[in-house]
Amino acid sequence: MDMTTRTGTPLRQRMTEDMRMRKLEDKTQQAYIRAVRKLTVFLKRSPDTATVEDLRNFQLELVDAGTSPITLNATLTGLKFFFDITLGRVELMARMQPVKLPHTLPVVLSIQEAARLIAGSPILRSGRRTASRSTTSATARSRPCCTGSCSSTPPPSSSRLRPQPAPTCRSL
């Protein structure tokens, strides 16, 4: 939906113009408008009459309703734009802090888990030799040499255009 086609109240029109001046994407504009609309529904009055306590209660309401941290942060960002830029009331959002997102580590398979995965897949089993070689060479390249007996000498300058084998570790 193009934000220029829908005007609404003068306050909404002003916010839309502020977002257009900053060349915010349509989806960002929609998210910011949605955040202000949520606040308006919560307050049951115009959002420009909100107080610091109203905003705190609104954030508590979102948390109690089980709103995800990402949605909560997106809502706070939209409200920050509204109060800071559109209304020029920086003091209202000064104490509102985004929610910290949990940082999860990526799943990394061990060599044994990767081998079991390859062995359990009919598609990968048909190309078992290729998959096995890929896994072995990737493992060899990612492991640091512990004995210092690596063959990692640079190729001569005349052979730079030809593919070179990956350095191998004799301790494997």
C-alpha atoms as a PDB file:
ATOM      1  CA  MET A   1       0.000   0.000   0.000  1.00  0.00           C
ATOM      2  CA  ASP A   2       1.409   3.384  -0.981  1.00  0.00           C
ATOM      3  CA  MET A   3       1.500   5.606   2.085  1.00  0.00           C
ATOM      4  CA  THR A   4       0.835   8.742   0.007  1.00  0.00           C
ATOM      5  CA  THR A   5      -2.681   7.597  -0.962  1.00  0.00           C
ATOM      6  CA  ARG A   6      -3.950   7.293   2.599  1.00  0.00           C
ATOM      7  CA  THR A   7      -4.025  10.525   4.561  1.00  0.00           C
ATOM      8  CA  GLY A   8      -6.204  10.203   7.655  1.00  0.00           C
ATOM      9  CA  THR A   9      -5.764  12.750  10.450  1.00  0.00           C
ATOM     10  CA  PRO A  10      -3.462  15.771  10.198  1.00  0.00           C
ATOM     11  CA  LEU A  11      -1.139  14.074  12.695  1.00  0.00           C
ATOM     12  CA  ARG A  12      -0.935  10.951  10.552  1.00  0.00           C
ATOM     13  CA  GLN A  13      -0.398  13.099   7.449  1.00  0.00           C
ATOM     14  CA  ARG A  14       2.467  14.900   9.194  1.00  0.00           C
ATOM     15  CA  MET A  15       4.087  11.599  10.222  1.00  0.00           C
ATOM     16  CA  THR A  16       3.703  10.241   6.689  1.00  0.00           C
ATOM     17  CA  GLU A  17       5.356  13.364   5.274  1.00  0.00           C
ATOM     18  CA  ASP A  18       8.204  13.070   7.807  1.00  0.00           C
ATOM     19  CA  MET A  19       8.783   9.479   6.725  1.00  0.00           C
ATOM     20  CA  ARG A  20       8.640  10.394   3.033  1.00  0.00           C
ATOM     21  CA  MET A  21      11.172  13.204   3.564  1.00  0.00           C
ATOM     22  CA  ARG A  22      13.551  10.615   5.016  1.00  0.00           C
ATOM     23  CA  LYS A  23      12.778   8.216   2.140  1.00  0.00           C
ATOM     24  CA  LEU A  24      11.756   5.376   4.427  1.00  0.00           C
ATOM     25  CA  GLU A  25      10.599   2.238   2.634  1.00  0.00           C
ATOM     26  CA  ASP A  26       6.855   1.576   2.361  1.00  0.00           C
ATOM     27  CA  LYS A  27       7.051  -1.434   4.694  1.00  0.00           C
ATOM     28  CA  THR A  28       8.889   0.651   7.290  1.00  0.00           C
ATOM     29  CA  GLN A  29       6.257   3.365   7.007  1.00  0.00           C
ATOM     30  CA  GLN A  30       3.499   0.799   7.455  1.00  0.00           C
ATOM     31  CA  ALA A  31       5.229  -0.635  10.537  1.00  0.00           C
ATOM     32  CA  TYR A  32       5.643   2.821  12.101  1.00  0.00           C
ATOM     33  CA  ILE A  33       1.992   3.714  11.422  1.00  0.00           C
ATOM     34  CA  ARG A  34       0.933   0.354  12.889  1.00  0.00           C
ATOM     35  CA  ALA A  35       2.959   1.094  16.053  1.00  0.00           C
ATOM     36  CA  VAL A  36       1.221   4.448  16.549  1.00  0.00           C
ATOM     37  CA  ARG A  37      -2.156   2.839  15.817  1.00  0.00           C
ATOM     38  CA  LYS A  38      -1.502   0.208  18.525  1.00  0.00           C
ATOM     39  CA  LEU A  39      -0.686   2.969  21.001  1.00  0.00           C
ATOM     40  CA  THR A  40      -3.837   4.868  20.031  1.00  0.00           C
ATOM     41  CA  VAL A  41      -5.997   1.792  20.619  1.00  0.00           C
ATOM     42  CA  PHE A  42      -4.311   1.244  23.983  1.00  0.00           C
ATOM     43  CA  LEU A  43      -4.753   4.872  25.080  1.00  0.00           C
ATOM     44  CA  LYS A  44      -8.254   5.288  23.637  1.00  0.00           C
ATOM     45  CA  ARG A  45      -7.261   8.863  22.775  1.00  0.00           C
ATOM     46  CA  SER A  46      -4.915  10.735  20.457  1.00  0.00           C
ATOM     47  CA  PRO A  47      -1.300   9.493  20.752  1.00  0.00           C
ATOM     48  CA  ASP A  48       0.095  13.040  20.953  1.00  0.00           C
ATOM     49  CA  THR A  49      -1.441  13.299  24.456  1.00  0.00           C
ATOM     50  CA  ALA A  50       0.616  10.345  25.778  1.00  0.00           C
ATOM     51  CA  THR A  51       2.776  10.724  28.865  1.00  0.00           C
ATOM     52  CA  VAL A  52       5.909   8.863  29.914  1.00  0.00           C
ATOM     53  CA  GLU A  53       3.755   6.742  32.231  1.00  0.00           C
ATOM     54  CA  ASP A  54       1.351   5.936  29.368  1.00  0.00           C
ATOM     55  CA  LEU A  55       4.245   4.715  27.250  1.00  0.00           C
ATOM     56  CA  ARG A  56       5.620   2.624  30.105  1.00  0.00           C
ATOM     57  CA  ASN A  57       2.210   1.022  30.654  1.00  0.00           C
ATOM     58  CA  PHE A  58       1.896   0.402  26.919  1.00  0.00           C
ATOM     59  CA  GLN A  59       5.239  -1.404  26.836  1.00  0.00           C
ATOM     60  CA  LEU A  60       4.216  -3.475  29.874  1.00  0.00           C
ATOM     61  CA  GLU A  61       0.946  -4.346  28.124  1.00  0.00           C
ATOM     62  CA  LEU A  62       2.848  -5.560  25.059  1.00  0.00           C
ATOM     63  CA  VAL A  63       5.182  -7.660  27.194  1.00  0.00           C
ATOM     64  CA  ASP A  64       2.290  -9.143  29.189  1.00  0.00           C
ATOM     65  CA  ALA A  65       0.460  -9.963  25.950  1.00  0.00           C
ATOM     66  CA  GLY A  66       3.432 -12.106  24.897  1.00  0.00           C
ATOM     67  CA  THR A  67       4.667  -9.851  22.099  1.00  0.00           C
ATOM     68  CA  SER A  68       7.933 -11.146  20.667  1.00  0.00           C
ATOM     69  CA  PRO A  69      11.098  -9.105  21.325  1.00  0.00           C
ATOM     70  CA  ILE A  70      11.456  -8.323  17.620  1.00  0.00           C
ATOM     71  CA  THR A  71       7.888  -6.995  17.337  1.00  0.00           C
ATOM     72  CA  LEU A  72       8.295  -5.072  20.583  1.00  0.00           C
ATOM     73  CA  ASN A  73      11.481  -3.416  19.316  1.00  0.00           C
ATOM     74  CA  ALA A  74       9.869  -2.596  15.965  1.00  0.00           C
ATOM     75  CA  THR A  75       6.942  -0.980  17.803  1.00  0.00           C
ATOM     76  CA  LEU A  76       9.271   1.067  20.000  1.00  0.00           C
ATOM     77  CA  THR A  77      11.216   2.203  16.937  1.00  0.00           C
ATOM     78  CA  GLY A  78       8.020   3.422  15.279  1.00  0.00           C
ATOM     79  CA  LEU A  79       6.970   5.250  18.423  1.00  0.00           C
ATOM     80  CA  LYS A  80      10.424   6.775  18.775  1.00  0.00           C
ATOM     81  CA  PHE A  81      10.119   8.166  15.253  1.00  0.00           C
ATOM     82  CA  PHE A  82       6.654   9.513  16.000  1.00  0.00           C
ATOM     83  CA  PHE A  83       7.565  11.244  19.257  1.00  0.00           C
ATOM     84  CA  ASP A  84      11.107  12.357  18.391  1.00  0.00           C
ATOM     85  CA  ILE A  85      10.644  13.450  14.768  1.00  0.00           C
ATOM     86  CA  THR A  86       6.966  14.116  14.162  1.00  0.00           C
ATOM     87  CA  LEU A  87       6.119  15.651  17.545  1.00  0.00           C
ATOM     88  CA  GLY A  88       9.593  16.824  18.615  1.00  0.00           C
ATOM     89  CA  ARG A  89       9.024  15.404  22.107  1.00  0.00           C
ATOM     90  CA  VAL A  90      12.292  13.528  22.642  1.00  0.00           C
ATOM     91  CA  GLU A  91      11.831  13.378  26.417  1.00  0.00           C
ATOM     92  CA  LEU A  92       8.902  10.943  26.110  1.00  0.00           C
ATOM     93  CA  MET A  93      10.926   8.132  24.544  1.00  0.00           C
ATOM     94  CA  ALA A  94      14.185   8.864  26.391  1.00  0.00           C
ATOM     95  CA  ARG A  95      13.549   6.179  29.020  1.00  0.00           C
ATOM     96  CA  MET A  96      12.121   3.569  26.649  1.00  0.00           C
ATOM     97  CA  GLN A  97      14.753   0.916  25.967  1.00  0.00           C
ATOM     98  CA  PRO A  98      14.665  -1.816  23.331  1.00  0.00           C
ATOM     99  CA  VAL A  99      14.429  -5.393  24.503  1.00  0.00           C
ATOM    100  CA  LYS A 100      17.615  -7.426  24.282  1.00  0.00           C
ATOM    101  CA  LEU A 101      17.310 -10.272  21.815  1.00  0.00           C
ATOM    102  CA  PRO A 102      18.603 -13.676  22.878  1.00  0.00           C
ATOM    103  CA  HIS A 103      21.757 -14.580  20.982  1.00  0.00           C
ATOM    104  CA  THR A 104      21.748 -18.192  19.875  1.00  0.00           C
ATOM    105  CA  LEU A 105      24.763 -20.003  18.559  1.00  0.00           C
ATOM    106  CA  PRO A 106      24.552 -21.626  15.139  1.00  0.00           C
ATOM    107  CA  VAL A 107      24.414 -25.395  14.980  1.00  0.00           C
ATOM    108  CA  VAL A 108      27.768 -26.800  13.898  1.00  0.00           C
ATOM    109  CA  LEU A 109      28.024 -30.491  13.157  1.00  0.00           C
ATOM    110  CA  SER A 110      30.979 -32.541  14.328  1.00  0.00           C
ATOM    111  CA  ILE A 111      32.766 -34.756  11.801  1.00  0.00           C
ATOM    112  CA  GLN A 112      30.932 -37.814  13.146  1.00  0.00           C
ATOM    113  CA  GLU A 113      27.531 -36.064  12.935  1.00  0.00           C
ATOM    114  CA  ALA A 114      28.245 -34.941   9.360  1.00  0.00           C
ATOM    115  CA  ALA A 115      29.225 -38.516   8.435  1.00  0.00           C
ATOM    116  CA  ARG A 116      25.984 -39.862   9.962  1.00  0.00           C
ATOM    117  CA  LEU A 117      23.995 -37.229   8.083  1.00  0.00           C
ATOM    118  CA  ILE A 118      25.621 -38.169   4.795  1.00  0.00           C
ATOM    119  CA  ALA A 119      25.205 -41.883   5.462  1.00  0.00           C
ATOM    120  CA  GLY A 120      21.509 -41.424   6.272  1.00  0.00           C
ATOM    121  CA  SER A 121      20.614 -39.532   3.091  1.00  0.00           C
ATOM    122  CA  PRO A 122      19.956 -41.570  -0.076  1.00  0.00           C
ATOM    123  CA  ILE A 123      20.821 -38.591  -2.270  1.00  0.00           C
ATOM    124  CA  LEU A 124      24.078 -37.944  -0.484  1.00  0.00           C
ATOM    125  CA  ARG A 125      24.906 -41.668  -0.350  1.00  0.00           C
ATOM    126  CA  SER A 126      24.853 -41.860  -4.149  1.00  0.00           C
ATOM    127  CA  GLY A 127      27.492 -39.161  -4.224  1.00  0.00           C
ATOM    128  CA  ARG A 128      29.185 -40.508  -1.128  1.00  0.00           C
ATOM    129  CA  ARG A 129      32.684 -40.310  -2.506  1.00  0.00           C
ATOM    130  CA  THR A 130      32.226 -36.661  -3.515  1.00  0.00           C
ATOM    131  CA  ALA A 131      30.588 -35.708  -0.228  1.00  0.00           C
ATOM    132  CA  SER A 132      33.254 -37.582   1.697  1.00  0.00           C
ATOM    133  CA  ARG A 133      36.054 -35.821  -0.175  1.00  0.00           C
ATOM    134  CA  SER A 134      34.392 -32.437   0.333  1.00  0.00           C
ATOM    135  CA  THR A 135      34.053 -33.062   4.049  1.00  0.00           C
ATOM    136  CA  THR A 136      37.632 -34.327   4.364  1.00  0.00           C
ATOM    137  CA  SER A 137      39.181 -31.446   2.434  1.00  0.00           C
ATOM    138  CA  ALA A 138      37.078 -28.874   4.276  1.00  0.00           C
ATOM    139  CA  THR A 139      38.120 -30.403   7.586  1.00  0.00           C
ATOM    140  CA  ALA A 140      41.775 -30.417   6.587  1.00  0.00           C
ATOM    141  CA  ARG A 141      41.613 -26.746   5.605  1.00  0.00           C
ATOM    142  CA  SER A 142      39.815 -25.690   8.769  1.00  0.00           C
ATOM    143  CA  ARG A 143      42.103 -27.513  11.224  1.00  0.00           C
ATOM    144  CA  PRO A 144      45.207 -25.717  12.425  1.00  0.00           C
ATOM    145  CA  CYS A 145      48.359 -27.756  12.070  1.00  0.00           C
ATOM    146  CA  CYS A 146      49.476 -28.865  15.463  1.00  0.00           C
ATOM    147  CA  THR A 147      52.878 -30.341  14.590  1.00  0.00           C
ATOM    148  CA  GLY A 148      54.075 -27.589  12.288  1.00  0.00           C
ATOM    149  CA  SER A 149      54.497 -30.059   9.413  1.00  0.00           C
ATOM    150  CA  CYS A 150      52.105 -28.455   6.950  1.00  0.00           C
ATOM    151  CA  SER A 151      52.757 -28.246   3.253  1.00  0.00           C
ATOM    152  CA  SER A 152      51.552 -24.726   2.767  1.00  0.00           C
ATOM    153  CA  THR A 153      54.310 -23.269   0.607  1.00  0.00           C
ATOM    154  CA  PRO A 154      53.073 -20.719  -1.898  1.00  0.00           C
ATOM    155  CA  PRO A 155      52.995 -21.848  -5.531  1.00  0.00           C
ATOM    156  CA  PRO A 156      55.576 -20.454  -7.936  1.00  0.00           C
ATOM    157  CA  SER A 157      54.429 -17.350  -9.790  1.00  0.00           C
ATOM    158  CA  SER A 158      54.174 -19.161 -13.156  1.00  0.00           C
ATOM    159  CA  SER A 159      51.507 -21.558 -11.837  1.00  0.00           C
ATOM    160  CA  ARG A 160      49.210 -18.989 -10.228  1.00  0.00           C
ATOM    161  CA  LEU A 161      46.554 -19.457 -12.897  1.00  0.00           C
ATOM    162  CA  ARG A 162      46.325 -23.219 -12.405  1.00  0.00           C
ATOM    163  CA  PRO A 163      44.236 -24.558  -9.516  1.00  0.00           C
ATOM    164  CA  GLN A 164      46.387 -25.627  -6.607  1.00  0.00           C
ATOM    165  CA  PRO A 165      45.577 -28.306  -4.048  1.00  0.00           C
ATOM    166  CA  ALA A 166      44.627 -27.144  -0.593  1.00  0.00           C
ATOM    167  CA  PRO A 167      47.364 -27.265   2.040  1.00  0.00           C
ATOM    168  CA  THR A 168      47.358 -30.574   3.867  1.00  0.00           C
ATOM    169  CA  CYS A 169      48.443 -31.466   7.321  1.00  0.00           C
ATOM    170  CA  ARG A 170      50.651 -34.561   7.695  1.00  0.00           C
ATOM    171  CA  SER A 171      49.393 -35.090  11.222  1.00  0.00           C
ATOM    172  CA  LEU A 172      45.934 -36.131   9.935  1.00  0.00           C
END
